[in-house]
Amino acid sequence: MKLPLKLSIVAMTAVLVAGCGSAKVTPAEIKVMPATPAPAPAPAVIGDADGDGVLDNVDECPDTRAGAKVDARGCEIILSFSGTNFAFDSAAFSSTAISNLNSAVAQLKAHGGSNLEIGGHTDSVGSEEYNQGLGQHRAQAVYNYLVQNGIPADSMTVRSFGESRPVATNDTDAGRAANRRVEIVDVTGQ
């Protein structure tokens, strides 16, 4: 059995003193001192090194440029298409969406060299399974448009978030319209 460190030192001191003949120590005089537990480690300080508002321990894109708008993962949102861009239960573009997509193509070409995630979103009307599929169709429609207009297919991935990441309440028409969107997120370095 291994004795706690302080007990060992006290006992050894008693033996040494007794062995030198300078004092006689009886076992009753040996004080048993419990070992002092190690101090608890200081709590980790979790910062936000890139200043994007997402803590470093959950930031999936830790080097986001200063001032960039980011999603919940800390990845830069390059564009977000929402509101009238998708009608209820549709992945078809409105005329406004076509104009926005043309601007997006120009921005993406200027941005260049990025790995992009195209995420489709829906409101909460309908089943979760149905909305997952609808979000996929919306994201795929944007992906197809971007590829047809010169954005490299291998620089993009398509993902559906369905109804899982609303940006507004689903209790109002305006909120549901805002949730029917596609976001193009820069996931370079992820």
C-alpha atoms as a PDB file:
ATOM      1  CA  MET A   1       0.000   0.000   0.000  1.00  0.00           C
ATOM      2  CA  LYS A   2       1.364   3.384  -0.984  1.00  0.00           C
ATOM      3  CA  LEU A   3       1.132   6.013   1.747  1.00  0.00           C
ATOM      4  CA  PRO A   4       0.098   9.562   0.962  1.00  0.00           C
ATOM      5  CA  LEU A   5       3.134  11.778   0.506  1.00  0.00           C
ATOM      6  CA  LYS A   6       2.801  13.788   3.739  1.00  0.00           C
ATOM      7  CA  LEU A   7       2.317  10.675   5.869  1.00  0.00           C
ATOM      8  CA  SER A   8       5.458   9.145   4.424  1.00  0.00           C
ATOM      9  CA  ILE A   9       7.566  12.209   5.219  1.00  0.00           C
ATOM     10  CA  VAL A  10       6.280  12.468   8.802  1.00  0.00           C
ATOM     11  CA  ALA A  11       6.887   8.774   9.446  1.00  0.00           C
ATOM     12  CA  MET A  12      10.395   8.903   7.964  1.00  0.00           C
ATOM     13  CA  THR A  13      11.271  11.925  10.088  1.00  0.00           C
ATOM     14  CA  ALA A  14      10.119  10.098  13.210  1.00  0.00           C
ATOM     15  CA  VAL A  15      12.276   7.074  12.371  1.00  0.00           C
ATOM     16  CA  LEU A  16      15.329   9.199  11.655  1.00  0.00           C
ATOM     17  CA  VAL A  17      14.998  11.149  14.902  1.00  0.00           C
ATOM     18  CA  ALA A  18      14.407   7.990  16.914  1.00  0.00           C
ATOM     19  CA  GLY A  19      17.315   6.241  15.219  1.00  0.00           C
ATOM     20  CA  CYS A  20      19.773   8.992  16.151  1.00  0.00           C
ATOM     21  CA  GLY A  21      19.100   8.581  19.810  1.00  0.00           C
ATOM     22  CA  SER A  22      18.345  12.250  20.284  1.00  0.00           C
ATOM     23  CA  ALA A  23      14.705  11.676  21.107  1.00  0.00           C
ATOM     24  CA  LYS A  24      12.401   8.807  21.587  1.00  0.00           C
ATOM     25  CA  VAL A  25       9.205   8.973  19.553  1.00  0.00           C
ATOM     26  CA  THR A  26       6.341   6.656  20.276  1.00  0.00           C
ATOM     27  CA  PRO A  27       3.821   5.675  17.617  1.00  0.00           C
ATOM     28  CA  ALA A  28       1.184   7.731  19.442  1.00  0.00           C
ATOM     29  CA  GLU A  29       3.247  10.876  18.787  1.00  0.00           C
ATOM     30  CA  ILE A  30       3.330  10.391  15.012  1.00  0.00           C
ATOM     31  CA  LYS A  31       0.787  12.722  13.457  1.00  0.00           C
ATOM     32  CA  VAL A  32      -0.979  11.437  10.395  1.00  0.00           C
ATOM     33  CA  MET A  33      -1.697  14.267   8.007  1.00  0.00           C
ATOM     34  CA  PRO A  34      -3.954  13.600   5.034  1.00  0.00           C
ATOM     35  CA  ALA A  35      -2.485  14.300   1.637  1.00  0.00           C
ATOM     36  CA  THR A  36      -3.605  17.612   0.169  1.00  0.00           C
ATOM     37  CA  PRO A  37      -5.522  17.088  -3.066  1.00  0.00           C
ATOM     38  CA  ALA A  38      -4.099  18.744  -6.168  1.00  0.00           C
ATOM     39  CA  PRO A  39      -5.792  22.047  -6.987  1.00  0.00           C
ATOM     40  CA  ALA A  40      -8.558  21.883  -9.573  1.00  0.00           C
ATOM     41  CA  PRO A  41      -7.449  22.969 -13.025  1.00  0.00           C
ATOM     42  CA  ALA A  42      -8.448  26.483 -13.986  1.00  0.00           C
ATOM     43  CA  PRO A  43     -11.510  26.558 -16.187  1.00  0.00           C
ATOM     44  CA  ALA A  44     -10.681  26.798 -19.867  1.00  0.00           C
ATOM     45  CA  VAL A  45     -11.226  30.207 -21.360  1.00  0.00           C
ATOM     46  CA  ILE A  46     -13.081  29.863 -24.635  1.00  0.00           C
ATOM     47  CA  GLY A  47     -12.610  32.814 -26.880  1.00  0.00           C
ATOM     48  CA  ASP A  48     -13.570  33.934 -30.335  1.00  0.00           C
ATOM     49  CA  ALA A  49     -10.208  34.413 -32.045  1.00  0.00           C
ATOM     50  CA  ASP A  50     -11.618  35.476 -35.409  1.00  0.00           C
ATOM     51  CA  GLY A  51     -14.263  37.784 -33.891  1.00  0.00           C
ATOM     52  CA  ASP A  52     -17.187  36.299 -35.808  1.00  0.00           C
ATOM     53  CA  GLY A  53     -19.419  35.812 -32.768  1.00  0.00           C
ATOM     54  CA  VAL A  54     -19.017  32.008 -32.696  1.00  0.00           C
ATOM     55  CA  LEU A  55     -16.944  30.580 -29.834  1.00  0.00           C
ATOM     56  CA  ASP A  56     -13.736  28.817 -30.872  1.00  0.00           C
ATOM     57  CA  ASN A  57     -14.781  25.444 -29.410  1.00  0.00           C
ATOM     58  CA  VAL A  58     -17.678  25.200 -31.906  1.00  0.00           C
ATOM     59  CA  ASP A  59     -16.302  27.368 -34.751  1.00  0.00           C
ATOM     60  CA  GLU A  60     -15.961  25.135 -37.810  1.00  0.00           C
ATOM     61  CA  CYS A  61     -14.366  27.969 -39.838  1.00  0.00           C
ATOM     62  CA  PRO A  62     -11.891  29.483 -37.359  1.00  0.00           C
ATOM     63  CA  ASP A  63     -10.277  31.974 -39.746  1.00  0.00           C
ATOM     64  CA  THR A  64     -13.323  33.862 -41.006  1.00  0.00           C
ATOM     65  CA  ARG A  65     -12.407  37.321 -42.272  1.00  0.00           C
ATOM     66  CA  ALA A  66     -13.205  40.231 -39.961  1.00  0.00           C
ATOM     67  CA  GLY A  67     -16.721  41.625 -40.291  1.00  0.00           C
ATOM     68  CA  ALA A  68     -18.054  38.705 -42.349  1.00  0.00           C
ATOM     69  CA  LYS A  69     -21.627  37.534 -41.817  1.00  0.00           C
ATOM     70  CA  VAL A  70     -21.474  33.928 -40.602  1.00  0.00           C
ATOM     71  CA  ASP A  71     -23.841  31.033 -39.994  1.00  0.00           C
ATOM     72  CA  ALA A  72     -24.207  29.192 -36.657  1.00  0.00           C
ATOM     73  CA  ARG A  73     -21.074  27.151 -37.441  1.00  0.00           C
ATOM     74  CA  GLY A  74     -18.930  30.270 -37.920  1.00  0.00           C
ATOM     75  CA  CYS A  75     -18.669  29.886 -41.700  1.00  0.00           C
ATOM     76  CA  GLU A  76     -19.049  32.942 -43.893  1.00  0.00           C
ATOM     77  CA  ILE A  77     -22.377  33.389 -45.648  1.00  0.00           C
ATOM     78  CA  ILE A  78     -21.583  34.756 -49.073  1.00  0.00           C
ATOM     79  CA  LEU A  79     -25.203  35.040 -50.217  1.00  0.00           C
ATOM     80  CA  SER A  80     -28.609  34.257 -48.859  1.00  0.00           C
ATOM     81  CA  PHE A  81     -31.685  33.997 -51.038  1.00  0.00           C
ATOM     82  CA  SER A  82     -34.888  34.331 -49.062  1.00  0.00           C
ATOM     83  CA  GLY A  83     -38.450  35.630 -49.023  1.00  0.00           C
ATOM     84  CA  THR A  84     -39.959  35.865 -52.495  1.00  0.00           C
ATOM     85  CA  ASN A  85     -37.211  33.790 -54.093  1.00  0.00           C
ATOM     86  CA  PHE A  86     -39.098  30.604 -53.366  1.00  0.00           C
ATOM     87  CA  ALA A  87     -42.842  30.387 -53.313  1.00  0.00           C
ATOM     88  CA  PHE A  88     -44.551  28.007 -50.916  1.00  0.00           C
ATOM     89  CA  ASP A  89     -43.776  24.364 -51.778  1.00  0.00           C
ATOM     90  CA  SER A  90     -41.541  25.344 -54.718  1.00  0.00           C
ATOM     91  CA  ALA A  91     -37.935  25.286 -55.880  1.00  0.00           C
ATOM     92  CA  ALA A  92     -38.663  27.500 -58.918  1.00  0.00           C
ATOM     93  CA  PHE A  93     -36.984  30.905 -59.103  1.00  0.00           C
ATOM     94  CA  SER A  94     -38.888  34.162 -59.238  1.00  0.00           C
ATOM     95  CA  SER A  95     -37.704  36.938 -61.583  1.00  0.00           C
ATOM     96  CA  THR A  96     -36.131  38.609 -58.528  1.00  0.00           C
ATOM     97  CA  ALA A  97     -34.256  35.403 -57.780  1.00  0.00           C
ATOM     98  CA  ILE A  98     -32.821  35.264 -61.299  1.00  0.00           C
ATOM     99  CA  SER A  99     -31.499  38.810 -60.894  1.00  0.00           C
ATOM    100  CA  ASN A 100     -30.015  37.901 -57.490  1.00  0.00           C
ATOM    101  CA  LEU A 101     -28.461  34.738 -58.902  1.00  0.00           C
ATOM    102  CA  ASN A 102     -26.814  36.701 -61.709  1.00  0.00           C
ATOM    103  CA  SER A 103     -25.296  39.021 -59.083  1.00  0.00           C
ATOM    104  CA  ALA A 104     -24.239  35.952 -57.103  1.00  0.00           C
ATOM    105  CA  VAL A 105     -22.420  34.511 -60.106  1.00  0.00           C
ATOM    106  CA  ALA A 106     -20.429  37.747 -60.473  1.00  0.00           C
ATOM    107  CA  GLN A 107     -19.619  37.818 -56.737  1.00  0.00           C
ATOM    108  CA  LEU A 108     -18.603  34.176 -56.670  1.00  0.00           C
ATOM    109  CA  LYS A 109     -16.351  34.572 -59.698  1.00  0.00           C
ATOM    110  CA  ALA A 110     -14.695  37.558 -58.003  1.00  0.00           C
ATOM    111  CA  HIS A 111     -14.447  35.663 -54.699  1.00  0.00           C
ATOM    112  CA  GLY A 112     -12.859  32.647 -56.444  1.00  0.00           C
ATOM    113  CA  GLY A 113     -11.019  29.704 -54.942  1.00  0.00           C
ATOM    114  CA  SER A 114     -13.610  28.994 -52.273  1.00  0.00           C
ATOM    115  CA  ASN A 115     -15.288  25.770 -51.297  1.00  0.00           C
ATOM    116  CA  LEU A 116     -18.978  26.490 -51.099  1.00  0.00           C
ATOM    117  CA  GLU A 117     -21.852  24.760 -49.370  1.00  0.00           C
ATOM    118  CA  ILE A 118     -25.245  25.457 -50.879  1.00  0.00           C
ATOM    119  CA  GLY A 119     -27.812  24.888 -48.149  1.00  0.00           C
ATOM    120  CA  GLY A 120     -31.530  24.634 -48.860  1.00  0.00           C
ATOM    121  CA  HIS A 121     -34.025  25.661 -46.174  1.00  0.00           C
ATOM    122  CA  THR A 122     -37.800  25.515 -45.783  1.00  0.00           C
ATOM    123  CA  ASP A 123     -40.516  26.735 -43.481  1.00  0.00           C
ATOM    124  CA  SER A 124     -42.136  24.253 -41.094  1.00  0.00           C
ATOM    125  CA  VAL A 125     -45.348  23.651 -43.048  1.00  0.00           C
ATOM    126  CA  GLY A 126     -45.499  19.977 -44.015  1.00  0.00           C
ATOM    127  CA  SER A 127     -43.685  16.979 -42.630  1.00  0.00           C
ATOM    128  CA  GLU A 128     -40.027  17.152 -41.650  1.00  0.00           C
ATOM    129  CA  GLU A 129     -39.211  14.453 -44.214  1.00  0.00           C
ATOM    130  CA  TYR A 130     -40.989  16.323 -47.016  1.00  0.00           C
ATOM    131  CA  ASN A 131     -39.263  19.594 -46.103  1.00  0.00           C
ATOM    132  CA  GLN A 132     -35.866  17.860 -46.100  1.00  0.00           C
ATOM    133  CA  GLY A 133     -36.487  16.848 -49.719  1.00  0.00           C
ATOM    134  CA  LEU A 134     -37.784  20.308 -50.670  1.00  0.00           C
ATOM    135  CA  GLY A 135     -34.697  21.954 -49.161  1.00  0.00           C
ATOM    136  CA  GLN A 136     -32.548  19.593 -51.240  1.00  0.00           C
ATOM    137  CA  HIS A 137     -34.434  20.551 -54.441  1.00  0.00           C
ATOM    138  CA  ARG A 138     -33.960  24.269 -53.693  1.00  0.00           C
ATOM    139  CA  ALA A 139     -30.241  23.882 -53.055  1.00  0.00           C
ATOM    140  CA  GLN A 140     -29.835  21.722 -56.175  1.00  0.00           C
ATOM    141  CA  ALA A 141     -31.657  24.326 -58.299  1.00  0.00           C
ATOM    142  CA  VAL A 142     -29.202  27.032 -57.156  1.00  0.00           C
ATOM    143  CA  TYR A 143     -26.237  24.689 -57.678  1.00  0.00           C
ATOM    144  CA  ASN A 144     -27.400  23.878 -61.236  1.00  0.00           C
ATOM    145  CA  TYR A 145     -27.859  27.571 -62.061  1.00  0.00           C
ATOM    146  CA  LEU A 146     -24.390  28.445 -60.756  1.00  0.00           C
ATOM    147  CA  VAL A 147     -22.742  25.598 -62.698  1.00  0.00           C
ATOM    148  CA  GLN A 148     -24.574  26.631 -65.894  1.00  0.00           C
ATOM    149  CA  ASN A 149     -23.170  30.131 -65.382  1.00  0.00           C
ATOM    150  CA  GLY A 150     -19.525  29.209 -64.923  1.00  0.00           C
ATOM    151  CA  ILE A 151     -19.042  28.372 -61.239  1.00  0.00           C
ATOM    152  CA  PRO A 152     -16.954  25.153 -61.000  1.00  0.00           C
ATOM    153  CA  ALA A 153     -19.096  22.200 -59.945  1.00  0.00           C
ATOM    154  CA  ASP A 154     -16.283  20.683 -57.895  1.00  0.00           C
ATOM    155  CA  SER A 155     -16.104  23.803 -55.705  1.00  0.00           C
ATOM    156  CA  MET A 156     -19.644  23.296 -54.380  1.00  0.00           C
ATOM    157  CA  THR A 157     -21.583  20.820 -52.286  1.00  0.00           C
ATOM    158  CA  VAL A 158     -25.338  20.702 -51.886  1.00  0.00           C
ATOM    159  CA  ARG A 159     -27.032  20.147 -48.540  1.00  0.00           C
ATOM    160  CA  SER A 160     -30.564  20.343 -47.212  1.00  0.00           C
ATOM    161  CA  PHE A 161     -31.340  21.677 -43.770  1.00  0.00           C
ATOM    162  CA  GLY A 162     -35.099  21.385 -44.318  1.00  0.00           C
ATOM    163  CA  GLU A 163     -36.924  23.191 -41.537  1.00  0.00           C
ATOM    164  CA  SER A 164     -34.170  22.701 -38.931  1.00  0.00           C
ATOM    165  CA  ARG A 165     -32.553  26.179 -39.103  1.00  0.00           C
ATOM    166  CA  PRO A 166     -35.207  28.871 -39.267  1.00  0.00           C
ATOM    167  CA  VAL A 167     -34.102  32.508 -39.367  1.00  0.00           C
ATOM    168  CA  ALA A 168     -37.563  33.775 -38.427  1.00  0.00           C
ATOM    169  CA  THR A 169     -40.707  32.530 -36.738  1.00  0.00           C
ATOM    170  CA  ASN A 170     -42.838  30.016 -38.585  1.00  0.00           C
ATOM    171  CA  ASP A 171     -45.943  31.508 -36.935  1.00  0.00           C
ATOM    172  CA  THR A 172     -46.402  34.267 -39.531  1.00  0.00           C
ATOM    173  CA  ASP A 173     -46.517  34.440 -43.340  1.00  0.00           C
ATOM    174  CA  ALA A 174     -43.531  36.804 -43.382  1.00  0.00           C
ATOM    175  CA  GLY A 175     -41.514  34.520 -41.108  1.00  0.00           C
ATOM    176  CA  ARG A 176     -42.277  31.437 -43.177  1.00  0.00           C
ATOM    177  CA  ALA A 177     -41.311  33.328 -46.368  1.00  0.00           C
ATOM    178  CA  ALA A 178     -37.960  34.295 -44.800  1.00  0.00           C
ATOM    179  CA  ASN A 179     -37.294  30.660 -43.915  1.00  0.00           C
ATOM    180  CA  ARG A 180     -37.796  29.531 -47.543  1.00  0.00           C
ATOM    181  CA  ARG A 181     -34.261  30.258 -48.686  1.00  0.00           C
ATOM    182  CA  VAL A 182     -30.929  28.989 -49.944  1.00  0.00           C
ATOM    183  CA  GLU A 183     -27.676  30.086 -48.328  1.00  0.00           C
ATOM    184  CA  ILE A 184     -24.310  29.886 -50.027  1.00  0.00           C
ATOM    185  CA  VAL A 185     -21.658  29.469 -47.346  1.00  0.00           C
ATOM    186  CA  ASP A 186     -17.872  29.548 -47.735  1.00  0.00           C
ATOM    187  CA  VAL A 187     -16.585  26.411 -46.001  1.00  0.00           C
ATOM    188  CA  THR A 188     -12.974  26.748 -47.158  1.00  0.00           C
ATOM    189  CA  GLY A 189     -10.631  25.370 -44.514  1.00  0.00           C
ATOM    190  CA  GLN A 190     -13.266  23.248 -42.867  1.00  0.00           C
END
